[in-house]
């Protein structure tokens, strides 16, 4: 008998369904520092805030075993991205990220001209 507890893995998150183009994406890739105090709480708070931005569609994110984090936020228009960029709490968090949480990061904004989704049918 194993001394390791049996755990049920959390269900995998579903990708954001492809909205009707055109729309915009903000792709944020980052490499964290070891100093992550307060990061999880701030990320949770910002996740709640961004959902209230007009034009926000959804977000997908992933992290590699080496620590590289990738977040893709989907917006109906550039105005939504600009509202998010100007949000006071978001601006404070970005500054803290530069000072404490990120070794480096990149942000890319792009217009999506084509997209589609796939979902395997559920067996009957």
N, C-alpha and C. Protein backbone atom coordinates (compact mmCIF):
# COMPACT_ATOMS: atom_id res chain seq x y z
N UNK A 1 0.84 -1.17 0.00
CA UNK A 1 0.00 0.00 0.00
C UNK A 1 0.89 1.24 0.00
N UNK A 2 0.51 2.23 -0.76
CA UNK A 2 1.29 3.45 -0.91
C UNK A 2 1.03 4.42 0.23
N UNK A 3 2.08 5.18 0.59
CA UNK A 3 1.91 6.24 1.57
C UNK A 3 1.41 7.53 0.93
N UNK A 4 1.29 7.55 -0.40
CA UNK A 4 0.85 8.74 -1.11
C UNK A 4 -0.67 8.76 -1.19
N UNK A 5 -1.28 9.89 -0.83
CA UNK A 5 -2.74 9.97 -0.92
C UNK A 5 -3.21 9.92 -2.37
N UNK A 6 -4.37 9.34 -2.57
CA UNK A 6 -4.96 9.30 -3.89
C UNK A 6 -5.74 10.60 -4.06
N UNK A 7 -5.43 11.32 -5.12
CA UNK A 7 -6.14 12.57 -5.39
C UNK A 7 -6.78 12.50 -6.76
N UNK A 8 -7.88 13.16 -6.88
CA UNK A 8 -8.55 13.27 -8.17
C UNK A 8 -8.09 14.57 -8.79
N UNK A 9 -7.53 14.50 -10.00
CA UNK A 9 -7.07 15.74 -10.62
C UNK A 9 -8.24 16.65 -10.93
N UNK A 10 -7.98 17.95 -10.88
CA UNK A 10 -9.00 18.93 -11.24
C UNK A 10 -9.31 18.79 -12.73
N UNK A 11 -10.56 19.04 -13.10
CA UNK A 11 -10.86 18.95 -14.53
C UNK A 11 -10.07 19.99 -15.32
N UNK A 12 -9.68 19.61 -16.51
CA UNK A 12 -8.93 20.54 -17.36
C UNK A 12 -9.84 21.69 -17.77
N UNK A 13 -9.29 22.91 -17.79
CA UNK A 13 -10.13 24.04 -18.22
C UNK A 13 -10.46 23.91 -19.70
N UNK A 14 -11.60 24.42 -20.07
CA UNK A 14 -12.00 24.41 -21.48
C UNK A 14 -11.47 25.65 -22.16
N UNK A 15 -11.01 25.52 -23.40
CA UNK A 15 -10.60 26.71 -24.14
C UNK A 15 -11.80 27.62 -24.38
N UNK A 16 -11.55 28.91 -24.47
CA UNK A 16 -12.60 29.85 -24.81
C UNK A 16 -13.08 29.55 -26.22
N UNK A 17 -14.40 29.38 -26.42
CA UNK A 17 -14.89 29.13 -27.78
C UNK A 17 -14.51 30.29 -28.71
N UNK A 18 -14.27 29.99 -29.97
CA UNK A 18 -13.89 31.01 -30.94
C UNK A 18 -15.08 31.91 -31.24
N UNK A 19 -14.96 33.20 -30.89
CA UNK A 19 -16.05 34.12 -31.24
C UNK A 19 -16.02 34.46 -32.73
N UNK A 20 -17.05 35.10 -33.19
CA UNK A 20 -17.10 35.53 -34.59
C UNK A 20 -16.10 36.66 -34.81
N UNK A 21 -15.15 36.48 -35.75
CA UNK A 21 -14.19 37.55 -36.04
C UNK A 21 -14.89 38.72 -36.75
N UNK A 22 -14.28 39.87 -36.76
CA UNK A 22 -12.98 40.15 -36.13
C UNK A 22 -13.14 40.43 -34.65
N UNK A 23 -12.09 40.13 -33.90
CA UNK A 23 -11.97 40.49 -32.50
C UNK A 23 -10.49 40.65 -32.21
N UNK A 24 -10.15 40.97 -30.99
CA UNK A 24 -8.76 41.26 -30.65
C UNK A 24 -8.29 40.36 -29.52
N UNK A 25 -6.99 40.09 -29.51
CA UNK A 25 -6.39 39.32 -28.44
C UNK A 25 -5.24 40.11 -27.84
N UNK A 26 -5.09 39.97 -26.54
CA UNK A 26 -3.93 40.47 -25.82
C UNK A 26 -3.20 39.23 -25.31
N UNK A 27 -2.03 38.98 -25.84
CA UNK A 27 -1.24 37.80 -25.48
C UNK A 27 -0.12 38.25 -24.55
N UNK A 28 -0.17 37.77 -23.31
CA UNK A 28 0.79 38.16 -22.29
C UNK A 28 1.61 36.92 -21.92
N UNK A 29 2.91 36.97 -22.17
CA UNK A 29 3.79 35.87 -21.79
C UNK A 29 4.75 36.40 -20.73
N UNK A 30 4.98 35.60 -19.71
CA UNK A 30 5.83 36.09 -18.62
C UNK A 30 6.65 34.97 -18.00
N UNK A 31 7.77 35.38 -17.45
CA UNK A 31 8.63 34.49 -16.69
C UNK A 31 8.70 35.07 -15.28
N UNK A 32 8.23 34.33 -14.27
CA UNK A 32 8.16 34.88 -12.92
C UNK A 32 9.51 34.90 -12.21
N UNK A 33 9.59 35.78 -11.23
CA UNK A 33 10.70 35.75 -10.28
C UNK A 33 10.32 34.75 -9.19
N UNK A 34 11.23 34.45 -8.28
CA UNK A 34 10.86 33.60 -7.14
C UNK A 34 9.98 34.33 -6.12
N UNK A 35 9.81 35.64 -6.26
CA UNK A 35 9.11 36.47 -5.27
C UNK A 35 7.64 36.66 -5.67
N UNK A 36 6.81 35.70 -5.34
CA UNK A 36 5.42 35.69 -5.79
C UNK A 36 4.41 36.04 -4.69
N UNK A 37 4.87 36.57 -3.58
CA UNK A 37 3.97 36.94 -2.49
C UNK A 37 2.90 37.91 -2.99
N UNK A 38 1.63 37.55 -2.81
CA UNK A 38 0.52 38.40 -3.19
C UNK A 38 0.08 38.25 -4.64
N UNK A 39 0.83 37.49 -5.42
CA UNK A 39 0.50 37.37 -6.85
C UNK A 39 -0.85 36.67 -7.06
N UNK A 40 -1.05 35.54 -6.42
CA UNK A 40 -2.27 34.75 -6.65
C UNK A 40 -3.52 35.56 -6.30
N UNK A 41 -3.48 36.27 -5.19
CA UNK A 41 -4.62 37.07 -4.77
C UNK A 41 -4.89 38.21 -5.77
N UNK A 42 -3.81 38.83 -6.22
CA UNK A 42 -3.97 39.92 -7.18
C UNK A 42 -4.50 39.39 -8.51
N UNK A 43 -3.99 38.27 -8.96
CA UNK A 43 -4.46 37.68 -10.22
C UNK A 43 -5.94 37.33 -10.13
N UNK A 44 -6.36 36.80 -9.00
CA UNK A 44 -7.78 36.47 -8.81
C UNK A 44 -8.63 37.73 -8.86
N UNK A 45 -8.20 38.78 -8.19
CA UNK A 45 -8.93 40.05 -8.18
C UNK A 45 -9.01 40.64 -9.60
N UNK A 46 -7.89 40.66 -10.31
CA UNK A 46 -7.89 41.22 -11.66
C UNK A 46 -8.76 40.38 -12.60
N UNK A 47 -8.77 39.07 -12.40
CA UNK A 47 -9.63 38.21 -13.21
C UNK A 47 -11.09 38.57 -13.05
N UNK A 48 -11.49 38.92 -11.83
CA UNK A 48 -12.87 39.34 -11.59
C UNK A 48 -13.14 40.71 -12.22
N UNK A 49 -12.17 41.61 -12.13
CA UNK A 49 -12.34 42.96 -12.67
C UNK A 49 -12.45 42.97 -14.20
N UNK A 50 -11.60 42.22 -14.87
CA UNK A 50 -11.58 42.26 -16.33
C UNK A 50 -12.89 41.75 -16.92
N UNK A 51 -13.55 40.84 -16.23
CA UNK A 51 -14.83 40.32 -16.73
C UNK A 51 -15.90 41.41 -16.84
N UNK A 52 -15.72 42.51 -16.10
CA UNK A 52 -16.68 43.62 -16.15
C UNK A 52 -16.34 44.66 -17.21
N UNK A 53 -15.24 44.49 -17.91
CA UNK A 53 -14.85 45.45 -18.95
C UNK A 53 -15.74 45.22 -20.17
N UNK A 54 -16.44 46.27 -20.65
CA UNK A 54 -17.24 46.09 -21.86
C UNK A 54 -16.35 45.62 -23.02
N UNK A 55 -16.80 44.61 -23.73
CA UNK A 55 -16.05 44.06 -24.85
C UNK A 55 -15.19 42.86 -24.50
N UNK A 56 -15.05 42.56 -23.21
CA UNK A 56 -14.27 41.38 -22.80
C UNK A 56 -15.05 40.13 -23.17
N UNK A 57 -14.35 39.16 -23.79
CA UNK A 57 -14.98 37.91 -24.23
C UNK A 57 -14.58 36.74 -23.35
N UNK A 58 -13.31 36.63 -23.00
CA UNK A 58 -12.83 35.50 -22.21
C UNK A 58 -11.33 35.47 -22.17
N UNK A 59 -10.79 34.41 -21.55
CA UNK A 59 -9.34 34.30 -21.40
C UNK A 59 -8.94 32.83 -21.32
N UNK A 60 -7.79 32.53 -21.87
CA UNK A 60 -7.15 31.23 -21.74
C UNK A 60 -5.77 31.45 -21.18
N UNK A 61 -5.29 30.51 -20.36
CA UNK A 61 -3.93 30.64 -19.84
C UNK A 61 -3.34 29.27 -19.61
N UNK A 62 -2.00 29.25 -19.61
CA UNK A 62 -1.26 28.00 -19.39
C UNK A 62 0.10 28.35 -18.82
N UNK A 63 0.70 27.36 -18.17
CA UNK A 63 2.04 27.53 -17.60
C UNK A 63 2.86 26.29 -17.93
N UNK A 64 4.08 26.51 -18.39
CA UNK A 64 4.97 25.39 -18.70
C UNK A 64 5.62 24.90 -17.41
N UNK A 65 6.13 23.67 -17.40
CA UNK A 65 6.85 23.20 -16.21
C UNK A 65 8.03 24.10 -15.83
N UNK A 66 8.61 24.78 -16.80
CA UNK A 66 9.73 25.68 -16.54
C UNK A 66 9.30 27.04 -16.01
N UNK A 67 8.00 27.29 -15.94
CA UNK A 67 7.51 28.53 -15.35
C UNK A 67 6.98 29.57 -16.31
N UNK A 68 7.21 29.41 -17.62
CA UNK A 68 6.69 30.38 -18.58
C UNK A 68 5.17 30.37 -18.53
N UNK A 69 4.58 31.54 -18.32
CA UNK A 69 3.12 31.67 -18.27
C UNK A 69 2.64 32.39 -19.52
N UNK A 70 1.54 31.91 -20.07
CA UNK A 70 0.94 32.51 -21.26
C UNK A 70 -0.53 32.74 -20.98
N UNK A 71 -0.96 33.98 -21.13
CA UNK A 71 -2.37 34.32 -20.98
C UNK A 71 -2.83 35.02 -22.25
N UNK A 72 -3.97 34.59 -22.75
CA UNK A 72 -4.56 35.20 -23.94
C UNK A 72 -5.94 35.71 -23.54
N UNK A 73 -6.11 37.03 -23.58
CA UNK A 73 -7.40 37.64 -23.28
C UNK A 73 -8.04 38.07 -24.59
N UNK A 74 -9.34 37.78 -24.73
CA UNK A 74 -10.08 38.06 -25.95
C UNK A 74 -11.00 39.25 -25.72
N UNK A 75 -10.98 40.19 -26.65
CA UNK A 75 -11.81 41.38 -26.56
C UNK A 75 -12.51 41.62 -27.90
N UNK A 76 -13.72 42.11 -27.84
CA UNK A 76 -14.50 42.41 -29.04
C UNK A 76 -13.86 43.55 -29.83
N UNK A 77 -13.24 44.52 -29.14
CA UNK A 77 -12.70 45.69 -29.82
C UNK A 77 -11.49 46.24 -29.07
N UNK A 78 -10.78 47.15 -29.73
CA UNK A 78 -9.62 47.77 -29.10
C UNK A 78 -10.00 48.66 -27.93
N UNK A 79 -11.21 49.19 -27.94
CA UNK A 79 -11.65 50.03 -26.83
C UNK A 79 -11.67 49.24 -25.52
N UNK A 80 -12.07 47.97 -25.58
CA UNK A 80 -12.06 47.13 -24.38
C UNK A 80 -10.65 46.93 -23.86
N UNK A 81 -9.71 46.70 -24.75
CA UNK A 81 -8.31 46.54 -24.34
C UNK A 81 -7.80 47.84 -23.72
N UNK A 82 -8.17 48.97 -24.32
CA UNK A 82 -7.73 50.26 -23.79
C UNK A 82 -8.35 50.53 -22.42
N UNK A 83 -9.62 50.18 -22.22
CA UNK A 83 -10.24 50.34 -20.89
C UNK A 83 -9.48 49.51 -19.86
N UNK A 84 -9.11 48.28 -20.23
CA UNK A 84 -8.39 47.42 -19.31
C UNK A 84 -7.01 47.98 -19.01
N UNK A 85 -6.34 48.50 -20.03
CA UNK A 85 -5.02 49.09 -19.84
C UNK A 85 -5.09 50.27 -18.88
N UNK A 86 -6.15 51.05 -18.92
CA UNK A 86 -6.29 52.24 -18.07
C UNK A 86 -6.87 51.95 -16.69
N UNK A 87 -7.37 50.75 -16.43
CA UNK A 87 -7.98 50.42 -15.14
C UNK A 87 -6.98 50.67 -14.01
N UNK A 88 -7.42 51.39 -12.98
CA UNK A 88 -6.52 51.81 -11.89
C UNK A 88 -5.90 50.62 -11.17
N UNK A 89 -6.70 49.61 -10.81
CA UNK A 89 -6.14 48.45 -10.09
C UNK A 89 -5.19 47.66 -10.98
N UNK A 90 -5.52 47.57 -12.26
CA UNK A 90 -4.65 46.87 -13.20
C UNK A 90 -3.31 47.59 -13.31
N UNK A 91 -3.33 48.92 -13.36
CA UNK A 91 -2.09 49.70 -13.46
C UNK A 91 -1.20 49.49 -12.23
N UNK A 92 -1.81 49.45 -11.04
CA UNK A 92 -1.05 49.22 -9.81
C UNK A 92 -0.43 47.82 -9.85
N UNK A 93 -1.20 46.84 -10.28
CA UNK A 93 -0.69 45.46 -10.36
C UNK A 93 0.44 45.35 -11.38
N UNK A 94 0.32 46.05 -12.51
CA UNK A 94 1.41 46.01 -13.51
C UNK A 94 2.70 46.56 -12.92
N UNK A 95 2.60 47.63 -12.16
CA UNK A 95 3.80 48.20 -11.55
C UNK A 95 4.41 47.22 -10.53
N UNK A 96 3.55 46.60 -9.72
CA UNK A 96 4.07 45.61 -8.76
C UNK A 96 4.70 44.43 -9.49
N UNK A 97 4.12 44.05 -10.62
CA UNK A 97 4.69 42.98 -11.42
C UNK A 97 6.10 43.30 -11.89
N UNK A 98 6.29 44.54 -12.34
CA UNK A 98 7.63 44.96 -12.78
C UNK A 98 8.62 44.98 -11.62
N UNK A 99 8.14 45.39 -10.45
CA UNK A 99 9.02 45.51 -9.29
C UNK A 99 9.30 44.17 -8.62
N UNK A 100 8.34 43.25 -8.64
CA UNK A 100 8.46 42.06 -7.81
C UNK A 100 8.23 40.74 -8.54
N UNK A 101 7.17 40.60 -9.33
CA UNK A 101 6.72 39.29 -9.77
C UNK A 101 7.33 38.78 -11.07
N UNK A 102 7.77 39.66 -11.97
CA UNK A 102 8.21 39.22 -13.29
C UNK A 102 9.70 39.44 -13.49
N UNK A 103 10.34 38.38 -13.99
CA UNK A 103 11.72 38.49 -14.46
C UNK A 103 11.71 39.22 -15.80
N UNK A 104 10.73 38.84 -16.63
CA UNK A 104 10.51 39.50 -17.92
C UNK A 104 9.11 39.14 -18.41
N UNK A 105 8.60 39.96 -19.31
CA UNK A 105 7.32 39.65 -19.94
C UNK A 105 7.23 40.32 -21.29
N UNK A 106 6.28 39.85 -22.10
CA UNK A 106 5.97 40.44 -23.40
C UNK A 106 4.46 40.54 -23.52
N UNK A 107 4.01 41.58 -24.19
CA UNK A 107 2.59 41.76 -24.47
C UNK A 107 2.43 41.99 -25.96
N UNK A 108 1.50 41.26 -26.57
CA UNK A 108 1.23 41.38 -27.99
C UNK A 108 -0.28 41.60 -28.16
N UNK A 109 -0.64 42.60 -28.92
CA UNK A 109 -2.05 42.87 -29.23
C UNK A 109 -2.23 42.58 -30.72
N UNK A 110 -3.27 41.80 -31.04
CA UNK A 110 -3.48 41.43 -32.44
C UNK A 110 -4.97 41.39 -32.77
N UNK A 111 -5.27 41.67 -34.02
CA UNK A 111 -6.64 41.53 -34.53
C UNK A 111 -6.77 40.14 -35.12
N UNK A 112 -7.82 39.44 -34.75
CA UNK A 112 -8.07 38.08 -35.26
C UNK A 112 -9.03 38.19 -36.44
N UNK A 113 -8.59 37.68 -37.57
CA UNK A 113 -9.39 37.71 -38.79
C UNK A 113 -10.12 36.40 -39.03
N UNK A 114 -9.58 35.31 -38.50
CA UNK A 114 -10.19 34.00 -38.68
C UNK A 114 -10.00 33.18 -37.42
N UNK A 115 -11.01 32.43 -37.03
CA UNK A 115 -10.88 31.49 -35.92
C UNK A 115 -11.97 30.43 -36.05
N UNK A 116 -11.72 29.31 -35.44
CA UNK A 116 -12.74 28.26 -35.36
C UNK A 116 -12.46 27.41 -34.13
N UNK A 117 -13.45 26.65 -33.73
CA UNK A 117 -13.33 25.78 -32.56
C UNK A 117 -13.67 24.36 -32.96
N UNK A 118 -13.25 23.42 -32.13
CA UNK A 118 -13.59 22.01 -32.30
C UNK A 118 -13.96 21.47 -30.93
N UNK A 119 -14.93 20.62 -30.88
CA UNK A 119 -15.29 19.91 -29.65
C UNK A 119 -15.70 18.50 -30.02
N UNK A 120 -15.01 17.54 -29.41
CA UNK A 120 -15.32 16.14 -29.66
C UNK A 120 -16.74 15.86 -29.11
N UNK A 121 -17.56 15.20 -29.91
CA UNK A 121 -18.90 14.87 -29.42
C UNK A 121 -18.83 13.92 -28.22
N UNK A 122 -19.75 14.09 -27.32
CA UNK A 122 -19.84 13.21 -26.15
C UNK A 122 -20.44 11.87 -26.62
N UNK A 123 -19.78 10.75 -26.27
CA UNK A 123 -20.33 9.45 -26.69
C UNK A 123 -21.72 9.23 -26.07
N UNK A 124 -22.59 8.61 -26.86
CA UNK A 124 -23.96 8.36 -26.40
C UNK A 124 -24.03 7.20 -25.45
